[in-house]
Amino acid sequence: MADKKQGYRAVAKWLIASPTKVRPVADLVVRRPYAEAVAILDNVPNKGARLIKKVVVSAAANALDRNRKLDEDMLYIKEIRIDEGPRMRRVWFRSRGSADMLVKRMCHISCVIDEIGKKTEA
């Protein structure tokens, strides 16, 4: 399999947030220009928006750092993946000596940013 250029990446792992709560926020900004996506994420009040914004800004910084000819206006969000991470299990003690399991879910967020005018082959 030949290595095709996939754009510029950034990954954040082991974030304590449920993937099912973060995915709808990611769907708001995928396939949008970088500046518009950051503006959307600034105005969404969810915790997931704050986490996704960090990854998107990091991917854009990677793109601008590696390729000095790029401008922020030329970038768009090609892909955002919200994968499920491990689960922290905690014991929640209840009445009469019983206990419940408290599950804290984690997620991994990966973002790919690419140039707007670039042709991609599938």
N, C-alpha and C. Protein backbone atom coordinates (compact mmCIF):
# COMPACT_ATOMS: atom_id res chain seq x y z
N MET A 1 0.83 -1.17 0.00
CA MET A 1 0.00 0.00 0.00
C MET A 1 0.89 1.24 0.00
N ALA A 2 0.70 2.12 -0.96
CA ALA A 2 1.53 3.32 -1.08
C ALA A 2 1.10 4.35 -0.04
N ASP A 3 2.07 5.08 0.49
CA ASP A 3 1.77 6.12 1.45
C ASP A 3 1.27 7.35 0.72
N LYS A 4 0.01 7.69 0.93
CA LYS A 4 -0.55 8.90 0.35
C LYS A 4 -0.59 9.96 1.43
N LYS A 5 -0.36 11.19 1.04
CA LYS A 5 -0.37 12.27 2.01
C LYS A 5 -1.79 12.46 2.53
N GLN A 6 -1.93 12.38 3.82
CA GLN A 6 -3.25 12.45 4.44
C GLN A 6 -3.56 13.81 5.05
N GLY A 7 -2.72 14.79 4.87
CA GLY A 7 -2.95 16.08 5.50
C GLY A 7 -2.11 16.18 6.76
N TYR A 8 -2.48 17.09 7.61
CA TYR A 8 -1.75 17.35 8.85
C TYR A 8 -2.60 16.88 10.02
N ARG A 9 -1.98 16.14 10.94
CA ARG A 9 -2.72 15.45 11.99
C ARG A 9 -2.41 16.01 13.37
N ALA A 10 -3.35 15.76 14.28
CA ALA A 10 -3.13 15.98 15.71
C ALA A 10 -4.03 14.98 16.43
N VAL A 11 -3.52 14.46 17.54
CA VAL A 11 -4.25 13.44 18.30
C VAL A 11 -4.20 13.78 19.78
N ALA A 12 -5.33 13.61 20.45
CA ALA A 12 -5.39 13.73 21.91
C ALA A 12 -5.98 12.43 22.44
N LYS A 13 -5.29 11.80 23.36
CA LYS A 13 -5.73 10.50 23.86
C LYS A 13 -6.08 10.58 25.34
N TRP A 14 -6.88 9.63 25.76
CA TRP A 14 -7.27 9.43 27.16
C TRP A 14 -7.94 10.66 27.76
N LEU A 15 -8.87 11.25 27.02
CA LEU A 15 -9.63 12.38 27.52
C LEU A 15 -10.86 11.86 28.24
N ILE A 16 -11.11 12.38 29.42
CA ILE A 16 -12.24 11.88 30.20
C ILE A 16 -13.50 12.59 29.73
N ALA A 17 -14.11 12.01 28.71
CA ALA A 17 -15.37 12.48 28.16
C ALA A 17 -15.98 11.32 27.39
N SER A 18 -17.27 11.20 27.45
CA SER A 18 -17.94 10.10 26.77
C SER A 18 -17.93 10.33 25.26
N PRO A 19 -17.53 9.32 24.47
CA PRO A 19 -17.50 9.49 23.02
C PRO A 19 -18.87 9.80 22.43
N THR A 20 -19.92 9.28 23.03
CA THR A 20 -21.26 9.54 22.50
C THR A 20 -21.69 10.99 22.71
N LYS A 21 -21.10 11.68 23.68
CA LYS A 21 -21.41 13.08 23.89
C LYS A 21 -20.51 13.99 23.04
N VAL A 22 -19.33 13.50 22.65
CA VAL A 22 -18.39 14.32 21.90
C VAL A 22 -18.67 14.24 20.39
N ARG A 23 -19.16 13.11 19.90
CA ARG A 23 -19.36 12.92 18.46
C ARG A 23 -20.32 13.92 17.82
N PRO A 24 -21.46 14.28 18.45
CA PRO A 24 -22.32 15.29 17.80
C PRO A 24 -21.65 16.64 17.63
N VAL A 25 -20.76 17.01 18.53
CA VAL A 25 -20.04 18.27 18.40
C VAL A 25 -19.05 18.18 17.24
N ALA A 26 -18.42 17.02 17.07
CA ALA A 26 -17.48 16.84 15.96
C ALA A 26 -18.20 16.90 14.62
N ASP A 27 -19.44 16.43 14.57
CA ASP A 27 -20.20 16.47 13.32
C ASP A 27 -20.54 17.90 12.91
N LEU A 28 -20.55 18.84 13.86
CA LEU A 28 -20.83 20.23 13.52
C LEU A 28 -19.72 20.87 12.69
N VAL A 29 -18.47 20.44 12.89
CA VAL A 29 -17.35 21.16 12.29
C VAL A 29 -16.61 20.39 11.21
N VAL A 30 -16.91 19.13 10.99
CA VAL A 30 -16.17 18.37 9.99
C VAL A 30 -16.52 18.89 8.60
N ARG A 31 -15.53 18.95 7.70
CA ARG A 31 -15.63 19.46 6.33
C ARG A 31 -15.99 20.95 6.28
N ARG A 32 -15.50 21.70 7.24
CA ARG A 32 -15.70 23.15 7.25
C ARG A 32 -14.34 23.85 7.24
N PRO A 33 -14.29 25.08 6.80
CA PRO A 33 -13.03 25.83 6.87
C PRO A 33 -12.57 26.00 8.32
N TYR A 34 -11.27 26.12 8.49
CA TYR A 34 -10.67 26.17 9.83
C TYR A 34 -11.22 27.32 10.67
N ALA A 35 -11.27 28.53 10.11
CA ALA A 35 -11.72 29.69 10.88
C ALA A 35 -13.18 29.55 11.30
N GLU A 36 -14.01 29.01 10.41
CA GLU A 36 -15.42 28.82 10.72
C GLU A 36 -15.59 27.75 11.80
N ALA A 37 -14.80 26.69 11.73
CA ALA A 37 -14.88 25.62 12.72
C ALA A 37 -14.49 26.10 14.11
N VAL A 38 -13.43 26.91 14.19
CA VAL A 38 -13.01 27.43 15.49
C VAL A 38 -14.07 28.37 16.05
N ALA A 39 -14.71 29.17 15.19
CA ALA A 39 -15.78 30.06 15.65
C ALA A 39 -16.97 29.27 16.19
N ILE A 40 -17.31 28.17 15.51
CA ILE A 40 -18.41 27.32 15.99
C ILE A 40 -18.06 26.70 17.34
N LEU A 41 -16.84 26.18 17.45
CA LEU A 41 -16.44 25.52 18.70
C LEU A 41 -16.35 26.50 19.86
N ASP A 42 -16.04 27.77 19.58
CA ASP A 42 -16.02 28.78 20.64
C ASP A 42 -17.40 29.03 21.22
N ASN A 43 -18.44 28.87 20.40
CA ASN A 43 -19.79 29.21 20.82
C ASN A 43 -20.63 28.02 21.28
N VAL A 44 -20.09 26.81 21.20
CA VAL A 44 -20.82 25.64 21.68
C VAL A 44 -20.45 25.41 23.15
N PRO A 45 -21.43 25.30 24.04
CA PRO A 45 -21.12 25.25 25.47
C PRO A 45 -20.72 23.87 26.01
N ASN A 46 -20.58 22.87 25.17
CA ASN A 46 -20.26 21.53 25.66
C ASN A 46 -18.79 21.39 26.02
N LYS A 47 -18.49 20.45 26.91
CA LYS A 47 -17.10 20.13 27.24
C LYS A 47 -16.38 19.58 26.02
N GLY A 48 -17.09 18.79 25.21
CA GLY A 48 -16.50 18.21 24.02
C GLY A 48 -16.03 19.26 23.04
N ALA A 49 -16.69 20.40 22.97
CA ALA A 49 -16.27 21.47 22.06
C ALA A 49 -14.91 22.01 22.46
N ARG A 50 -14.69 22.13 23.77
CA ARG A 50 -13.40 22.62 24.25
C ARG A 50 -12.28 21.63 23.92
N LEU A 51 -12.56 20.34 24.07
CA LEU A 51 -11.56 19.31 23.78
C LEU A 51 -11.26 19.24 22.28
N ILE A 52 -12.29 19.31 21.46
CA ILE A 52 -12.10 19.24 20.00
C ILE A 52 -11.35 20.47 19.51
N LYS A 53 -11.65 21.63 20.10
CA LYS A 53 -10.98 22.85 19.67
C LYS A 53 -9.47 22.76 19.90
N LYS A 54 -9.07 22.19 21.02
CA LYS A 54 -7.64 22.04 21.30
C LYS A 54 -6.96 21.19 20.23
N VAL A 55 -7.62 20.12 19.82
CA VAL A 55 -7.03 19.23 18.82
C VAL A 55 -7.00 19.90 17.44
N VAL A 56 -8.07 20.62 17.09
CA VAL A 56 -8.13 21.30 15.80
C VAL A 56 -7.06 22.38 15.71
N VAL A 57 -6.89 23.16 16.77
CA VAL A 57 -5.88 24.22 16.78
C VAL A 57 -4.48 23.61 16.70
N SER A 58 -4.27 22.48 17.36
CA SER A 58 -2.98 21.81 17.31
C SER A 58 -2.68 21.30 15.90
N ALA A 59 -3.69 20.73 15.23
CA ALA A 59 -3.48 20.25 13.86
C ALA A 59 -3.17 21.40 12.92
N ALA A 60 -3.84 22.54 13.12
CA ALA A 60 -3.55 23.71 12.28
C ALA A 60 -2.16 24.24 12.54
N ALA A 61 -1.72 24.21 13.79
CA ALA A 61 -0.36 24.65 14.11
C ALA A 61 0.66 23.72 13.47
N ASN A 62 0.37 22.41 13.45
CA ASN A 62 1.25 21.47 12.77
C ASN A 62 1.32 21.77 11.27
N ALA A 63 0.18 22.10 10.67
CA ALA A 63 0.15 22.40 9.24
C ALA A 63 0.94 23.67 8.93
N LEU A 64 0.73 24.70 9.74
CA LEU A 64 1.40 25.97 9.47
C LEU A 64 2.89 25.90 9.81
N ASP A 65 3.26 25.04 10.74
CA ASP A 65 4.66 24.90 11.12
C ASP A 65 5.45 24.15 10.05
N ARG A 66 4.84 23.13 9.47
CA ARG A 66 5.55 22.31 8.48
C ARG A 66 5.59 22.94 7.10
N ASN A 67 4.55 23.66 6.75
CA ASN A 67 4.47 24.25 5.43
C ASN A 67 4.27 25.76 5.59
N ARG A 68 5.35 26.50 5.41
CA ARG A 68 5.32 27.95 5.66
C ARG A 68 4.48 28.70 4.63
N LYS A 69 4.18 28.09 3.49
CA LYS A 69 3.42 28.78 2.45
C LYS A 69 1.92 28.77 2.72
N LEU A 70 1.48 27.96 3.64
CA LEU A 70 0.05 27.86 3.94
C LEU A 70 -0.43 29.07 4.71
N ASP A 71 -1.72 29.36 4.55
CA ASP A 71 -2.39 30.39 5.31
C ASP A 71 -3.56 29.74 6.04
N GLU A 72 -4.01 30.33 7.13
CA GLU A 72 -5.13 29.74 7.88
C GLU A 72 -6.39 29.69 7.03
N ASP A 73 -6.53 30.63 6.08
CA ASP A 73 -7.72 30.65 5.24
C ASP A 73 -7.74 29.50 4.23
N MET A 74 -6.60 28.84 4.01
CA MET A 74 -6.51 27.75 3.04
C MET A 74 -6.78 26.39 3.68
N LEU A 75 -7.02 26.33 4.99
CA LEU A 75 -7.18 25.05 5.68
C LEU A 75 -8.65 24.72 5.90
N TYR A 76 -8.95 23.42 5.85
CA TYR A 76 -10.27 22.94 6.22
C TYR A 76 -10.11 21.64 6.99
N ILE A 77 -11.13 21.30 7.75
CA ILE A 77 -11.09 20.08 8.57
C ILE A 77 -11.54 18.92 7.70
N LYS A 78 -10.61 18.05 7.39
CA LYS A 78 -10.89 16.92 6.51
C LYS A 78 -11.60 15.79 7.25
N GLU A 79 -11.14 15.51 8.46
CA GLU A 79 -11.69 14.37 9.20
C GLU A 79 -11.48 14.59 10.70
N ILE A 80 -12.49 14.20 11.48
CA ILE A 80 -12.36 14.15 12.93
C ILE A 80 -12.89 12.78 13.37
N ARG A 81 -12.06 12.05 14.08
CA ARG A 81 -12.49 10.74 14.58
C ARG A 81 -12.53 10.78 16.10
N ILE A 82 -13.62 10.29 16.65
CA ILE A 82 -13.78 10.17 18.10
C ILE A 82 -13.84 8.67 18.40
N ASP A 83 -12.74 8.14 18.89
CA ASP A 83 -12.67 6.72 19.21
C ASP A 83 -12.87 6.51 20.70
N GLU A 84 -13.33 5.33 21.02
CA GLU A 84 -13.56 4.99 22.42
C GLU A 84 -12.25 4.56 23.08
N GLY A 85 -12.01 5.06 24.26
CA GLY A 85 -10.82 4.70 25.02
C GLY A 85 -11.17 3.72 26.13
N PRO A 86 -10.25 3.51 27.05
CA PRO A 86 -10.55 2.63 28.17
C PRO A 86 -11.56 3.26 29.12
N ARG A 87 -12.10 2.46 30.00
CA ARG A 87 -13.09 2.94 30.95
C ARG A 87 -12.54 2.82 32.36
N MET A 88 -12.68 3.88 33.13
CA MET A 88 -12.31 3.83 34.54
C MET A 88 -13.53 3.36 35.32
N ARG A 89 -13.34 2.37 36.12
CA ARG A 89 -14.45 1.86 36.93
C ARG A 89 -14.21 2.23 38.39
N ARG A 90 -15.18 2.87 38.98
CA ARG A 90 -15.11 3.28 40.38
C ARG A 90 -16.29 2.68 41.12
N VAL A 91 -16.11 2.41 42.39
CA VAL A 91 -17.18 1.85 43.20
C VAL A 91 -17.93 2.99 43.86
N TRP A 92 -19.25 2.94 43.74
CA TRP A 92 -20.12 3.94 44.33
C TRP A 92 -20.92 3.23 45.41
N PHE A 93 -20.60 3.50 46.65
CA PHE A 93 -21.22 2.79 47.76
C PHE A 93 -22.64 3.30 47.98
N ARG A 94 -23.56 2.34 48.21
CA ARG A 94 -24.97 2.66 48.37
C ARG A 94 -25.44 2.19 49.74
N SER A 95 -26.70 2.34 49.98
CA SER A 95 -27.24 2.00 51.29
C SER A 95 -27.30 0.49 51.49
N ARG A 96 -27.36 0.08 52.73
CA ARG A 96 -27.48 -1.32 53.15
C ARG A 96 -26.31 -2.18 52.67
N GLY A 97 -25.17 -1.60 52.55
CA GLY A 97 -23.97 -2.37 52.22
C GLY A 97 -23.84 -2.76 50.76
N SER A 98 -24.68 -2.22 49.90
CA SER A 98 -24.56 -2.55 48.48
C SER A 98 -23.69 -1.50 47.78
N ALA A 99 -23.37 -1.77 46.53
CA ALA A 99 -22.52 -0.86 45.78
C ALA A 99 -22.90 -0.89 44.30
N ASP A 100 -22.67 0.20 43.63
CA ASP A 100 -22.86 0.31 42.18
C ASP A 100 -21.51 0.62 41.54
N MET A 101 -21.40 0.29 40.26
CA MET A 101 -20.19 0.64 39.53
C MET A 101 -20.41 1.98 38.82
N LEU A 102 -19.48 2.88 39.01
CA LEU A 102 -19.49 4.16 38.33
C LEU A 102 -18.46 4.06 37.22
N VAL A 103 -18.90 4.18 35.96
CA VAL A 103 -18.01 4.00 34.81
C VAL A 103 -17.72 5.38 34.22
N LYS A 104 -16.45 5.75 34.20
CA LYS A 104 -16.03 7.00 33.58
C LYS A 104 -15.42 6.66 32.23
N ARG A 105 -16.08 7.08 31.17
CA ARG A 105 -15.63 6.73 29.83
C ARG A 105 -14.59 7.73 29.33
N MET A 106 -13.68 7.21 28.50
CA MET A 106 -12.63 8.05 27.90
C MET A 106 -12.75 7.98 26.39
N CYS A 107 -12.17 8.99 25.73
CA CYS A 107 -12.18 8.99 24.27
C CYS A 107 -10.84 9.47 23.75
N HIS A 108 -10.56 9.09 22.50
CA HIS A 108 -9.39 9.55 21.77
C HIS A 108 -9.91 10.39 20.60
N ILE A 109 -9.38 11.61 20.46
CA ILE A 109 -9.80 12.50 19.38
C ILE A 109 -8.64 12.66 18.42
N SER A 110 -8.87 12.39 17.13
CA SER A 110 -7.86 12.62 16.11
C SER A 110 -8.46 13.49 15.02
N CYS A 111 -7.67 14.46 14.57
CA CYS A 111 -8.14 15.43 13.59
C CYS A 111 -7.14 15.49 12.43
N VAL A 112 -7.68 15.58 11.22
CA VAL A 112 -6.85 15.75 10.02
C VAL A 112 -7.28 17.04 9.34
N ILE A 113 -6.31 17.92 9.10
CA ILE A 113 -6.55 19.19 8.43
C ILE A 113 -5.78 19.17 7.12
N ASP A 114 -6.41 19.70 6.07
CA ASP A 114 -5.79 19.70 4.75
C ASP A 114 -6.04 21.04 4.07
N GLU A 115 -5.42 21.23 2.90
CA GLU A 115 -5.61 22.46 2.13
C GLU A 115 -6.95 22.40 1.39
N ILE A 116 -7.54 23.56 1.17
CA ILE A 116 -8.84 23.61 0.51
C ILE A 116 -8.73 23.24 -0.97
N GLY A 117 -7.76 23.75 -1.67
CA GLY A 117 -7.67 23.54 -3.12
C GLY A 117 -7.03 22.24 -3.52
N LYS A 118 -6.65 21.41 -2.57
CA LYS A 118 -5.91 20.18 -2.87
C LYS A 118 -6.86 19.10 -3.38
N LYS A 119 -6.47 18.43 -4.45
CA LYS A 119 -7.26 17.31 -4.98
C LYS A 119 -6.86 16.05 -4.24
N THR A 120 -7.85 15.28 -3.81
CA THR A 120 -7.58 14.02 -3.10
C THR A 120 -8.06 12.86 -3.94
N GLU A 121 -7.30 11.76 -3.92
CA GLU A 121 -7.69 10.55 -4.63
C GLU A 121 -8.20 9.56 -3.63
N ALA A 122 -9.31 8.91 -3.97
CA ALA A 122 -9.92 7.96 -3.04
C ALA A 122 -9.48 6.56 -3.33
